[in-house]
Amino acid sequence: MDLLLILKWIIAIATILTGVFALVRPKAVQGFIGLQAQDGRGISEIRSIFGGLFIVLGFAPLILNSPVAFKMLGLAYIGIAAVRAVSIVMDRSMEKSNLISLAVEVVFGVLLVI
């Protein structure tokens, strides 16, 4: 197994762990993501999108064991990063957590696509 493939596996696992954290501790992620869940409906959104979706996005390349699945996860990260970059400018949201997220998304996306 080469270093790049190991990194791809680590990124997929990190994606899963991010999802598991949001699923299990949705209130703990609210501060970092900048959203506040007002009620059960909001918590449900955090669990399903930041939890469930990220868990499946991370597991897909591992289960399918396909280079295309890793690329798809990379494209998802690149898409998130592109929209975040536009939002940072348009919404004047140059906060540290937003910049950290952008950097991670770009690095993860590039490593997964190559």
PDB file of N, CA and C in Angstrom:
ATOM      1  N   MET A   1       0.867  -1.175   0.000  1.00  0.00           N
ATOM      2  CA  MET A   1       0.000   0.000   0.000  1.00  0.00           C
ATOM      3  C   MET A   1       0.908   1.232   0.000  1.00  0.00           C
ATOM      4  N   ASP A   2       0.696   2.135  -0.944  1.00  0.00           N
ATOM      5  CA  ASP A   2       1.551   3.318  -1.008  1.00  0.00           C
ATOM      6  C   ASP A   2       1.049   4.423  -0.075  1.00  0.00           C
ATOM      7  N   LEU A   3       1.895   5.420   0.132  1.00  0.00           N
ATOM      8  CA  LEU A   3       1.606   6.501   1.075  1.00  0.00           C
ATOM      9  C   LEU A   3       0.331   7.255   0.716  1.00  0.00           C
ATOM     10  N   LEU A   4       0.123   7.530  -0.566  1.00  0.00           N
ATOM     11  CA  LEU A   4      -1.074   8.270  -0.982  1.00  0.00           C
ATOM     12  C   LEU A   4      -2.344   7.489  -0.649  1.00  0.00           C
ATOM     13  N   LEU A   5      -2.330   6.194  -0.880  1.00  0.00           N
ATOM     14  CA  LEU A   5      -3.495   5.386  -0.559  1.00  0.00           C
ATOM     15  C   LEU A   5      -3.739   5.351   0.955  1.00  0.00           C
ATOM     16  N   ILE A   6      -2.676   5.289   1.726  1.00  0.00           N
ATOM     17  CA  ILE A   6      -2.811   5.336   3.193  1.00  0.00           C
ATOM     18  C   ILE A   6      -3.442   6.660   3.614  1.00  0.00           C
ATOM     19  N   LEU A   7      -2.985   7.766   3.017  1.00  0.00           N
ATOM     20  CA  LEU A   7      -3.565   9.079   3.327  1.00  0.00           C
ATOM     21  C   LEU A   7      -5.049   9.127   2.958  1.00  0.00           C
ATOM     22  N   LYS A   8      -5.400   8.535   1.840  1.00  0.00           N
ATOM     23  CA  LYS A   8      -6.810   8.506   1.420  1.00  0.00           C
ATOM     24  C   LYS A   8      -7.657   7.737   2.433  1.00  0.00           C
ATOM     25  N   TRP A   9      -7.144   6.637   2.900  1.00  0.00           N
ATOM     26  CA  TRP A   9      -7.856   5.869   3.928  1.00  0.00           C
ATOM     27  C   TRP A   9      -8.002   6.680   5.216  1.00  0.00           C
ATOM     28  N   ILE A  10      -6.935   7.372   5.603  1.00  0.00           N
ATOM     29  CA  ILE A  10      -6.979   8.207   6.807  1.00  0.00           C
ATOM     30  C   ILE A  10      -8.023   9.304   6.657  1.00  0.00           C
ATOM     31  N   ILE A  11      -8.089   9.923   5.480  1.00  0.00           N
ATOM     32  CA  ILE A  11      -9.080  10.974   5.239  1.00  0.00           C
ATOM     33  C   ILE A  11     -10.490  10.404   5.298  1.00  0.00           C
ATOM     34  N   ALA A  12     -10.696   9.248   4.698  1.00  0.00           N
ATOM     35  CA  ALA A  12     -12.026   8.619   4.751  1.00  0.00           C
ATOM     36  C   ALA A  12     -12.409   8.315   6.199  1.00  0.00           C
ATOM     37  N   ILE A  13     -11.480   7.810   6.966  1.00  0.00           N
ATOM     38  CA  ILE A  13     -11.750   7.504   8.382  1.00  0.00           C
ATOM     39  C   ILE A  13     -12.009   8.790   9.166  1.00  0.00           C
ATOM     40  N   ALA A  14     -11.243   9.849   8.876  1.00  0.00           N
ATOM     41  CA  ALA A  14     -11.477  11.142   9.536  1.00  0.00           C
ATOM     42  C   ALA A  14     -12.868  11.678   9.200  1.00  0.00           C
ATOM     43  N   THR A  15     -13.301  11.452   7.977  1.00  0.00           N
ATOM     44  CA  THR A  15     -14.645  11.865   7.562  1.00  0.00           C
ATOM     45  C   THR A  15     -15.697  11.105   8.370  1.00  0.00           C
ATOM     46  N   ILE A  16     -15.495   9.816   8.515  1.00  0.00           N
ATOM     47  CA  ILE A  16     -16.412   8.994   9.316  1.00  0.00           C
ATOM     48  C   ILE A  16     -16.443   9.481  10.758  1.00  0.00           C
ATOM     49  N   LEU A  17     -15.265   9.709  11.338  1.00  0.00           N
ATOM     50  CA  LEU A  17     -15.196  10.143  12.737  1.00  0.00           C
ATOM     51  C   LEU A  17     -15.850  11.503  12.944  1.00  0.00           C
ATOM     52  N   THR A  18     -15.709  12.394  11.978  1.00  0.00           N
ATOM     53  CA  THR A  18     -16.398  13.693  12.038  1.00  0.00           C
ATOM     54  C   THR A  18     -17.903  13.473  12.072  1.00  0.00           C
ATOM     55  N   GLY A  19     -18.369  12.586  11.215  1.00  0.00           N
ATOM     56  CA  GLY A  19     -19.797  12.275  11.182  1.00  0.00           C
ATOM     57  C   GLY A  19     -20.287  11.639  12.464  1.00  0.00           C
ATOM     58  N   VAL A  20     -19.510  10.706  13.002  1.00  0.00           N
ATOM     59  CA  VAL A  20     -19.895  10.044  14.251  1.00  0.00           C
ATOM     60  C   VAL A  20     -19.977  11.064  15.386  1.00  0.00           C
ATOM     61  N   PHE A  21     -19.018  11.981  15.438  1.00  0.00           N
ATOM     62  CA  PHE A  21     -19.025  13.012  16.477  1.00  0.00           C
ATOM     63  C   PHE A  21     -20.279  13.880  16.367  1.00  0.00           C
ATOM     64  N   ALA A  22     -20.624  14.301  15.149  1.00  0.00           N
ATOM     65  CA  ALA A  22     -21.823  15.124  14.959  1.00  0.00           C
ATOM     66  C   ALA A  22     -23.089  14.341  15.279  1.00  0.00           C
ATOM     67  N   LEU A  23     -23.088  13.059  14.993  1.00  0.00           N
ATOM     68  CA  LEU A  23     -24.247  12.216  15.292  1.00  0.00           C
ATOM     69  C   LEU A  23     -24.440  12.052  16.794  1.00  0.00           C
ATOM     70  N   VAL A  24     -23.348  11.775  17.498  1.00  0.00           N
ATOM     71  CA  VAL A  24     -23.409  11.476  18.929  1.00  0.00           C
ATOM     72  C   VAL A  24     -23.459  12.739  19.789  1.00  0.00           C
ATOM     73  N   ARG A  25     -22.760  13.785  19.386  1.00  0.00           N
ATOM     74  CA  ARG A  25     -22.654  15.016  20.181  1.00  0.00           C
ATOM     75  C   ARG A  25     -23.048  16.235  19.351  1.00  0.00           C
ATOM     76  N   PRO A  26     -24.264  16.301  18.836  1.00  0.00           N
ATOM     77  CA  PRO A  26     -24.648  17.404  17.948  1.00  0.00           C
ATOM     78  C   PRO A  26     -24.524  18.784  18.589  1.00  0.00           C
ATOM     79  N   LYS A  27     -24.767  18.887  19.876  1.00  0.00           N
ATOM     80  CA  LYS A  27     -24.661  20.192  20.537  1.00  0.00           C
ATOM     81  C   LYS A  27     -23.209  20.654  20.627  1.00  0.00           C
ATOM     82  N   ALA A  28     -22.278  19.716  20.667  1.00  0.00           N
ATOM     83  CA  ALA A  28     -20.869  20.064  20.765  1.00  0.00           C
ATOM     84  C   ALA A  28     -20.330  20.662  19.465  1.00  0.00           C
ATOM     85  N   VAL A  29     -20.919  20.320  18.329  1.00  0.00           N
ATOM     86  CA  VAL A  29     -20.427  20.849  17.056  1.00  0.00           C
ATOM     87  C   VAL A  29     -21.041  22.203  16.704  1.00  0.00           C
ATOM     88  N   GLN A  30     -22.069  22.599  17.423  1.00  0.00           N
ATOM     89  CA  GLN A  30     -22.768  23.840  17.074  1.00  0.00           C
ATOM     90  C   GLN A  30     -21.848  25.055  17.054  1.00  0.00           C
ATOM     91  N   GLY A  31     -20.984  25.181  18.045  1.00  0.00           N
ATOM     92  CA  GLY A  31     -20.098  26.334  18.105  1.00  0.00           C
ATOM     93  C   GLY A  31     -19.136  26.393  16.939  1.00  0.00           C
ATOM     94  N   PHE A  32     -18.579  25.242  16.560  1.00  0.00           N
ATOM     95  CA  PHE A  32     -17.602  25.225  15.475  1.00  0.00           C
ATOM     96  C   PHE A  32     -18.257  25.515  14.130  1.00  0.00           C
ATOM     97  N   ILE A  33     -19.430  24.930  13.889  1.00  0.00           N
ATOM     98  CA  ILE A  33     -20.071  25.129  12.585  1.00  0.00           C
ATOM     99  C   ILE A  33     -20.862  26.421  12.510  1.00  0.00           C
ATOM    100  N   GLY A  34     -21.039  27.095  13.645  1.00  0.00           N
ATOM    101  CA  GLY A  34     -21.712  28.388  13.625  1.00  0.00           C
ATOM    102  C   GLY A  34     -23.219  28.315  13.523  1.00  0.00           C
ATOM    103  N   LEU A  35     -23.776  27.150  13.781  1.00  0.00           N
ATOM    104  CA  LEU A  35     -25.229  26.986  13.760  1.00  0.00           C
ATOM    105  C   LEU A  35     -25.724  26.685  15.165  1.00  0.00           C
ATOM    106  N   GLN A  36     -26.898  27.164  15.476  1.00  0.00           N
ATOM    107  CA  GLN A  36     -27.515  26.873  16.763  1.00  0.00           C
ATOM    108  C   GLN A  36     -28.851  26.181  16.517  1.00  0.00           C
ATOM    109  N   ALA A  37     -28.970  24.978  17.014  1.00  0.00           N
ATOM    110  CA  ALA A  37     -30.223  24.237  16.883  1.00  0.00           C
ATOM    111  C   ALA A  37     -31.195  24.751  17.942  1.00  0.00           C
ATOM    112  N   GLN A  38     -32.326  25.247  17.505  1.00  0.00           N
ATOM    113  CA  GLN A  38     -33.321  25.806  18.422  1.00  0.00           C
ATOM    114  C   GLN A  38     -34.133  24.734  19.133  1.00  0.00           C
ATOM    115  N   ASP A  39     -34.285  23.588  18.463  1.00  0.00           N
ATOM    116  CA  ASP A  39     -35.138  22.536  19.006  1.00  0.00           C
ATOM    117  C   ASP A  39     -34.722  21.186  18.431  1.00  0.00           C
ATOM    118  N   GLY A  40     -35.562  20.191  18.639  1.00  0.00           N
ATOM    119  CA  GLY A  40     -35.274  18.847  18.146  1.00  0.00           C
ATOM    120  C   GLY A  40     -35.088  18.785  16.647  1.00  0.00           C
ATOM    121  N   ARG A  41     -35.804  19.611  15.905  1.00  0.00           N
ATOM    122  CA  ARG A  41     -35.681  19.624  14.440  1.00  0.00           C
ATOM    123  C   ARG A  41     -34.272  20.040  14.026  1.00  0.00           C
ATOM    124  N   GLY A  42     -33.726  21.052  14.682  1.00  0.00           N
ATOM    125  CA  GLY A  42     -32.373  21.503  14.373  1.00  0.00           C
ATOM    126  C   GLY A  42     -31.332  20.460  14.718  1.00  0.00           C
ATOM    127  N   ILE A  43     -31.496  19.823  15.858  1.00  0.00           N
ATOM    128  CA  ILE A  43     -30.587  18.744  16.261  1.00  0.00           C
ATOM    129  C   ILE A  43     -30.648  17.610  15.244  1.00  0.00           C
ATOM    130  N   SER A  44     -31.851  17.315  14.771  1.00  0.00           N
ATOM    131  CA  SER A  44     -32.024  16.268  13.768  1.00  0.00           C
ATOM    132  C   SER A  44     -31.252  16.593  12.490  1.00  0.00           C
ATOM    133  N   GLU A  45     -31.246  17.859  12.093  1.00  0.00           N
ATOM    134  CA  GLU A  45     -30.493  18.267  10.897  1.00  0.00           C
ATOM    135  C   GLU A  45     -28.993  18.086  11.105  1.00  0.00           C
ATOM    136  N   ILE A  46     -28.498  18.478  12.271  1.00  0.00           N
ATOM    137  CA  ILE A  46     -27.070  18.307  12.548  1.00  0.00           C
ATOM    138  C   ILE A  46     -26.712  16.828  12.528  1.00  0.00           C
ATOM    139  N   ARG A  47     -27.529  16.004  13.182  1.00  0.00           N
ATOM    140  CA  ARG A  47     -27.248  14.562  13.208  1.00  0.00           C
ATOM    141  C   ARG A  47     -27.297  13.961  11.800  1.00  0.00           C
ATOM    142  N   SER A  48     -28.284  14.339  11.005  1.00  0.00           N
ATOM    143  CA  SER A  48     -28.462  13.701   9.696  1.00  0.00           C
ATOM    144  C   SER A  48     -27.464  14.197   8.652  1.00  0.00           C
ATOM    145  N   ILE A  49     -27.264  15.513   8.542  1.00  0.00           N
ATOM    146  CA  ILE A  49     -26.376  16.038   7.506  1.00  0.00           C
ATOM    147  C   ILE A  49     -24.910  15.974   7.932  1.00  0.00           C
ATOM    148  N   PHE A  50     -24.586  16.568   9.077  1.00  0.00           N
ATOM    149  CA  PHE A  50     -23.195  16.571   9.520  1.00  0.00           C
ATOM    150  C   PHE A  50     -22.783  15.218  10.087  1.00  0.00           C
ATOM    151  N   GLY A  51     -23.755  14.417  10.504  1.00  0.00           N
ATOM    152  CA  GLY A  51     -23.483  13.089  11.027  1.00  0.00           C
ATOM    153  C   GLY A  51     -23.630  12.027   9.957  1.00  0.00           C
ATOM    154  N   GLY A  52     -24.867  11.718   9.632  1.00  0.00           N
ATOM    155  CA  GLY A  52     -25.151  10.619   8.716  1.00  0.00           C
ATOM    156  C   GLY A  52     -24.511  10.748   7.349  1.00  0.00           C
ATOM    157  N   LEU A  53     -24.609  11.924   6.754  1.00  0.00           N
ATOM    158  CA  LEU A  53     -24.037  12.105   5.420  1.00  0.00           C
ATOM    159  C   LEU A  53     -22.523  11.924   5.437  1.00  0.00           C
ATOM    160  N   PHE A  54     -21.853  12.505   6.435  1.00  0.00           N
ATOM    161  CA  PHE A  54     -20.399  12.369   6.496  1.00  0.00           C
ATOM    162  C   PHE A  54     -19.976  10.932   6.796  1.00  0.00           C
ATOM    163  N   ILE A  55     -20.749  10.226   7.583  1.00  0.00           N
ATOM    164  CA  ILE A  55     -20.434   8.815   7.849  1.00  0.00           C
ATOM    165  C   ILE A  55     -20.484   8.012   6.550  1.00  0.00           C
ATOM    166  N   VAL A  56     -21.547   8.193   5.782  1.00  0.00           N
ATOM    167  CA  VAL A  56     -21.687   7.447   4.523  1.00  0.00           C
ATOM    168  C   VAL A  56     -20.646   7.889   3.502  1.00  0.00           C
ATOM    169  N   LEU A  57     -20.371   9.204   3.419  1.00  0.00           N
ATOM    170  CA  LEU A  57     -19.344   9.683   2.485  1.00  0.00           C
ATOM    171  C   LEU A  57     -17.986   9.055   2.801  1.00  0.00           C
ATOM    172  N   GLY A  58     -17.689   8.904   4.082  1.00  0.00           N
ATOM    173  CA  GLY A  58     -16.413   8.305   4.466  1.00  0.00           C
ATOM    174  C   GLY A  58     -16.363   6.804   4.259  1.00  0.00           C
ATOM    175  N   PHE A  59     -17.479   6.138   4.534  1.00  0.00           N
ATOM    176  CA  PHE A  59     -17.504   4.675   4.389  1.00  0.00           C
ATOM    177  C   PHE A  59     -17.533   4.223   2.933  1.00  0.00           C
ATOM    178  N   ALA A  60     -18.125   4.992   2.054  1.00  0.00           N
ATOM    179  CA  ALA A  60     -18.300   4.572   0.661  1.00  0.00           C
ATOM    180  C   ALA A  60     -16.987   4.126   0.001  1.00  0.00           C
ATOM    181  N   PRO A  61     -15.924   4.930   0.057  1.00  0.00           N
ATOM    182  CA  PRO A  61     -14.694   4.461  -0.597  1.00  0.00           C
ATOM    183  C   PRO A  61     -14.101   3.219   0.064  1.00  0.00           C
ATOM    184  N   LEU A  62     -14.292   3.091   1.371  1.00  0.00           N
ATOM    185  CA  LEU A  62     -13.730   1.935   2.072  1.00  0.00           C
ATOM    186  C   LEU A  62     -14.499   0.668   1.723  1.00  0.00           C
ATOM    187  N   ILE A  63     -15.822   0.780   1.655  1.00  0.00           N
ATOM    188  CA  ILE A  63     -16.651  -0.381   1.325  1.00  0.00           C
ATOM    189  C   ILE A  63     -16.507  -0.755  -0.150  1.00  0.00           C
ATOM    190  N   LEU A  64     -16.557   0.246  -1.019  1.00  0.00           N
ATOM    191  CA  LEU A  64     -16.480  -0.022  -2.461  1.00  0.00           C
ATOM    192  C   LEU A  64     -15.063  -0.364  -2.912  1.00  0.00           C
ATOM    193  N   ASN A  65     -14.068   0.072  -2.112  1.00  0.00           N
ATOM    194  CA  ASN A  65     -12.665  -0.191  -2.413  1.00  0.00           C
ATOM    195  C   ASN A  65     -12.342   0.142  -3.863  1.00  0.00           C
ATOM    196  N   SER A  66     -12.723   1.358  -4.246  1.00  0.00           N
ATOM    197  CA  SER A  66     -12.558   1.788  -5.627  1.00  0.00           C
ATOM    198  C   SER A  66     -11.904   3.164  -5.680  1.00  0.00           C
ATOM    199  N   PRO A  67     -10.948   3.341  -6.593  1.00  0.00           N
ATOM    200  CA  PRO A  67     -10.353   4.669  -6.766  1.00  0.00           C
ATOM    201  C   PRO A  67     -11.395   5.736  -7.110  1.00  0.00           C
ATOM    202  N   VAL A  68     -12.418   5.347  -7.841  1.00  0.00           N
ATOM    203  CA  VAL A  68     -13.464   6.298  -8.220  1.00  0.00           C
ATOM    204  C   VAL A  68     -14.226   6.774  -6.984  1.00  0.00           C
ATOM    205  N   ALA A  69     -14.439   5.904  -6.030  1.00  0.00           N
ATOM    206  CA  ALA A  69     -15.148   6.294  -4.803  1.00  0.00           C
ATOM    207  C   ALA A  69     -14.312   7.286  -3.993  1.00  0.00           C
ATOM    208  N   PHE A  70     -12.995   7.085  -3.945  1.00  0.00           N
ATOM    209  CA  PHE A  70     -12.138   8.053  -3.260  1.00  0.00           C
ATOM    210  C   PHE A  70     -12.181   9.399  -3.984  1.00  0.00           C
ATOM    211  N   LYS A  71     -12.185   9.363  -5.320  1.00  0.00           N
ATOM    212  CA  LYS A  71     -12.280  10.605  -6.093  1.00  0.00           C
ATOM    213  C   LYS A  71     -13.607  11.314  -5.841  1.00  0.00           C
ATOM    214  N   MET A  72     -14.667  10.556  -5.727  1.00  0.00           N
ATOM    215  CA  MET A  72     -15.973  11.156  -5.452  1.00  0.00           C
ATOM    216  C   MET A  72     -15.965  11.868  -4.105  1.00  0.00           C
ATOM    217  N   LEU A  73     -15.374  11.247  -3.091  1.00  0.00           N
ATOM    218  CA  LEU A  73     -15.249  11.904  -1.794  1.00  0.00           C
ATOM    219  C   LEU A  73     -14.408  13.170  -1.942  1.00  0.00           C
ATOM    220  N   GLY A  74     -13.346  13.102  -2.712  1.00  0.00           N
ATOM    221  CA  GLY A  74     -12.513  14.280  -2.962  1.00  0.00           C
ATOM    222  C   GLY A  74     -13.275  15.389  -3.655  1.00  0.00           C
ATOM    223  N   LEU A  75     -14.080  15.036  -4.640  1.00  0.00           N
ATOM    224  CA  LEU A  75     -14.897  16.037  -5.334  1.00  0.00           C
ATOM    225  C   LEU A  75     -15.911  16.670  -4.387  1.00  0.00           C
ATOM    226  N   ALA A  76     -16.441  15.877  -3.474  1.00  0.00           N
ATOM    227  CA  ALA A  76     -17.364  16.435  -2.477  1.00  0.00           C
ATOM    228  C   ALA A  76     -16.644  17.473  -1.625  1.00  0.00           C
ATOM    229  N   TYR A  77     -15.427  17.143  -1.182  1.00  0.00           N
ATOM    230  CA  TYR A  77     -14.656  18.111  -0.388  1.00  0.00           C
ATOM    231  C   TYR A  77     -14.311  19.360  -1.202  1.00  0.00           C
ATOM    232  N   ILE A  78     -13.945  19.194  -2.463  1.00  0.00           N
ATOM    233  CA  ILE A  78     -13.626  20.341  -3.312  1.00  0.00           C
ATOM    234  C   ILE A  78     -14.867  21.212  -3.529  1.00  0.00           C
ATOM    235  N   GLY A  79     -16.004  20.575  -3.729  1.00  0.00           N
ATOM    236  CA  GLY A  79     -17.250  21.331  -3.879  1.00  0.00           C
ATOM    237  C   GLY A  79     -17.584  22.128  -2.628  1.00  0.00           C
ATOM    238  N   ILE A  80     -17.438  21.502  -1.474  1.00  0.00           N
ATOM    239  CA  ILE A  80     -17.685  22.198  -0.206  1.00  0.00           C
ATOM    240  C   ILE A  80     -16.712  23.366  -0.072  1.00  0.00           C
ATOM    241  N   ALA A  81     -15.442  23.138  -0.399  1.00  0.00           N
ATOM    242  CA  ALA A  81     -14.428  24.188  -0.280  1.00  0.00           C
ATOM    243  C   ALA A  81     -14.717  25.351  -1.226  1.00  0.00           C
ATOM    244  N   ALA A  82     -15.122  25.048  -2.448  1.00  0.00           N
ATOM    245  CA  ALA A  82     -15.408  26.105  -3.422  1.00  0.00           C
ATOM    246  C   ALA A  82     -16.549  27.001  -2.946  1.00  0.00           C
ATOM    247  N   VAL A  83     -17.606  26.377  -2.467  1.00  0.00           N
ATOM    248  CA  VAL A  83     -18.743  27.163  -1.978  1.00  0.00           C
ATOM    249  C   VAL A  83     -18.364  27.925  -0.711  1.00  0.00           C
ATOM    250  N   ARG A  84     -17.573  27.301   0.149  1.00  0.00           N
ATOM    251  CA  ARG A  84     -17.124  27.987   1.374  1.00  0.00           C
ATOM    252  C   ARG A  84     -16.283  29.214   1.015  1.00  0.00           C
ATOM    253  N   ALA A  85     -15.385  29.085   0.023  1.00  0.00           N
ATOM    254  CA  ALA A  85     -14.534  30.206  -0.385  1.00  0.00           C
ATOM    255  C   ALA A  85     -15.384  31.371  -0.892  1.00  0.00           C
ATOM    256  N   VAL A  86     -16.375  31.068  -1.701  1.00  0.00           N
ATOM    257  CA  VAL A  86     -17.283  32.109  -2.183  1.00  0.00           C
ATOM    258  C   VAL A  86     -18.021  32.745  -1.007  1.00  0.00           C
ATOM    259  N   SER A  87     -18.485  31.917  -0.096  1.00  0.00           N
ATOM    260  CA  SER A  87     -19.224  32.411   1.072  1.00  0.00           C
ATOM    261  C   SER A  87     -18.350  33.278   1.972  1.00  0.00           C
ATOM    262  N   ILE A  88     -17.101  32.902   2.133  1.00  0.00           N
ATOM    263  CA  ILE A  88     -16.195  33.687   2.974  1.00  0.00           C
ATOM    264  C   ILE A  88     -16.099  35.113   2.436  1.00  0.00           C
ATOM    265  N   VAL A  89     -16.039  35.243   1.113  1.00  0.00           N
ATOM    266  CA  VAL A  89     -15.955  36.562   0.498  1.00  0.00           C
ATOM    267  C   VAL A  89     -17.313  37.272   0.535  1.00  0.00           C
ATOM    268  N   MET A  90     -18.334  36.609   0.038  1.00  0.00           N
ATOM    269  CA  MET A  90     -19.659  37.249  -0.067  1.00  0.00           C
ATOM    270  C   MET A  90     -20.254  37.594   1.293  1.00  0.00           C
ATOM    271  N   ASP A  91     -20.090  36.710   2.258  1.00  0.00           N
ATOM    272  CA  ASP A  91     -20.708  36.893   3.565  1.00  0.00           C
ATOM    273  C   ASP A  91     -19.765  37.530   4.587  1.00  0.00           C
ATOM    274  N   ARG A  92     -18.561  37.861   4.116  1.00  0.00           N
ATOM    275  CA  ARG A  92     -17.543  38.455   5.007  1.00  0.00           C
ATOM    276  C   ARG A  92     -17.388  37.618   6.284  1.00  0.00           C
ATOM    277  N   SER A  93     -17.197  36.327   6.065  1.00  0.00           N
ATOM    278  CA  SER A  93     -17.103  35.396   7.201  1.00  0.00           C
ATOM    279  C   SER A  93     -15.698  34.807   7.302  1.00  0.00           C
ATOM    280  N   MET A  94     -14.744  35.679   7.457  1.00  0.00           N
ATOM    281  CA  MET A  94     -13.341  35.300   7.506  1.00  0.00           C
ATOM    282  C   MET A  94     -12.943  34.885   8.922  1.00  0.00           C
ATOM    283  N   GLU A  95     -13.771  34.046   9.553  1.00  0.00           N
ATOM    284  CA  GLU A  95     -13.452  33.568  10.897  1.00  0.00           C
ATOM    285  C   GLU A  95     -12.440  32.430  10.836  1.00  0.00           C
ATOM    286  N   LYS A  96     -11.713  32.278  11.931  1.00  0.00           N
ATOM    287  CA  LYS A  96     -10.672  31.253  12.010  1.00  0.00           C
ATOM    288  C   LYS A  96     -11.228  29.863  11.698  1.00  0.00           C
ATOM    289  N   SER A  97     -12.384  29.510  12.275  1.00  0.00           N
ATOM    290  CA  SER A  97     -12.947  28.166  12.049  1.00  0.00           C
ATOM    291  C   SER A  97     -13.312  27.962  10.580  1.00  0.00           C
ATOM    292  N   ASN A  98     -13.751  29.009   9.911  1.00  0.00           N
ATOM    293  CA  ASN A  98     -14.086  28.912   8.491  1.00  0.00           C
ATOM    294  C   ASN A  98     -12.817  28.702   7.658  1.00  0.00           C
ATOM    295  N   LEU A  99     -11.759  29.398   7.994  1.00  0.00           N
ATOM    296  CA  LEU A  99     -10.498  29.259   7.264  1.00  0.00           C
ATOM    297  C   LEU A  99      -9.863  27.894   7.506  1.00  0.00           C
ATOM    298  N   ILE A 100      -9.961  27.398   8.727  1.00  0.00           N
ATOM    299  CA  ILE A 100      -9.458  26.050   9.029  1.00  0.00           C
ATOM    300  C   ILE A 100     -10.236  25.015   8.214  1.00  0.00           C
ATOM    301  N   SER A 101     -11.552  25.146   8.218  1.00  0.00           N
ATOM    302  CA  SER A 101     -12.380  24.207   7.446  1.00  0.00           C
ATOM    303  C   SER A 101     -12.019  24.261   5.973  1.00  0.00           C
ATOM    304  N   LEU A 102     -11.846  25.462   5.431  1.00  0.00           N
ATOM    305  CA  LEU A 102     -11.488  25.623   4.019  1.00  0.00           C
ATOM    306  C   LEU A 102     -10.159  24.937   3.719  1.00  0.00           C
ATOM    307  N   ALA A 103      -9.166  25.152   4.555  1.00  0.00           N
ATOM    308  CA  ALA A 103      -7.851  24.540   4.333  1.00  0.00           C
ATOM    309  C   ALA A 103      -7.938  23.014   4.362  1.00  0.00           C
ATOM    310  N   VAL A 104      -8.639  22.478   5.339  1.00  0.00           N
ATOM    311  CA  VAL A 104      -8.783  21.026   5.452  1.00  0.00           C
ATOM    312  C   VAL A 104      -9.513  20.474   4.227  1.00  0.00           C
ATOM    313  N   GLU A 105     -10.583  21.137   3.824  1.00  0.00           N
ATOM    314  CA  GLU A 105     -11.361  20.668   2.668  1.00  0.00           C
ATOM    315  C   GLU A 105     -10.537  20.678   1.380  1.00  0.00           C
ATOM    316  N   VAL A 106      -9.738  21.707   1.188  1.00  0.00           N
ATOM    317  CA  VAL A 106      -8.899  21.776  -0.011  1.00  0.00           C
ATOM    318  C   VAL A 106      -7.847  20.665   0.012  1.00  0.00           C
ATOM    319  N   VAL A 107      -7.164  20.514   1.133  1.00  0.00           N
ATOM    320  CA  VAL A 107      -6.122  19.478   1.237  1.00  0.00           C
ATOM    321  C   VAL A 107      -6.730  18.091   1.065  1.00  0.00           C
ATOM    322  N   PHE A 108      -7.810  17.812   1.777  1.00  0.00           N
ATOM    323  CA  PHE A 108      -8.469  16.511   1.646  1.00  0.00           C
ATOM    324  C   PHE A 108      -8.923  16.289   0.202  1.00  0.00           C
ATOM    325  N   GLY A 109      -9.554  17.287  -0.377  1.00  0.00           N
ATOM    326  CA  GLY A 109     -10.061  17.157  -1.749  1.00  0.00           C
ATOM    327  C   GLY A 109      -8.953  16.853  -2.744  1.00  0.00           C
ATOM    328  N   VAL A 110      -7.879  17.592  -2.678  1.00  0.00           N
ATOM    329  CA  VAL A 110      -6.761  17.392  -3.614  1.00  0.00           C
ATOM    330  C   VAL A 110      -6.145  15.996  -3.421  1.00  0.00           C
ATOM    331  N   LEU A 111      -5.883  15.621  -2.169  1.00  0.00           N
ATOM    332  CA  LEU A 111      -5.280  14.309  -1.925  1.00  0.00           C
ATOM    333  C   LEU A 111      -6.171  13.158  -2.400  1.00  0.00           C
ATOM    334  N   LEU A 112      -7.463  13.322  -2.281  1.00  0.00           N
ATOM    335  CA  LEU A 112      -8.386  12.259  -2.692  1.00  0.00           C
ATOM    336  C   LEU A 112      -8.561  12.186  -4.218  1.00  0.00           C
ATOM    337  N   VAL A 113      -8.416  13.310  -4.889  1.00  0.00           N
ATOM    338  CA  VAL A 113      -8.641  13.329  -6.345  1.00  0.00           C
ATOM    339  C   VAL A 113      -7.407  12.872  -7.122  1.00  0.00           C
ATOM    340  N   ILE A 114      -6.203  13.124  -6.576  1.00  0.00           N
ATOM    341  CA  ILE A 114      -4.993  12.728  -7.329  1.00  0.00           C
ATOM    342  C   ILE A 114      -4.746  11.233  -7.244  1.00  0.00           C
TER     343      ILE A 114
END
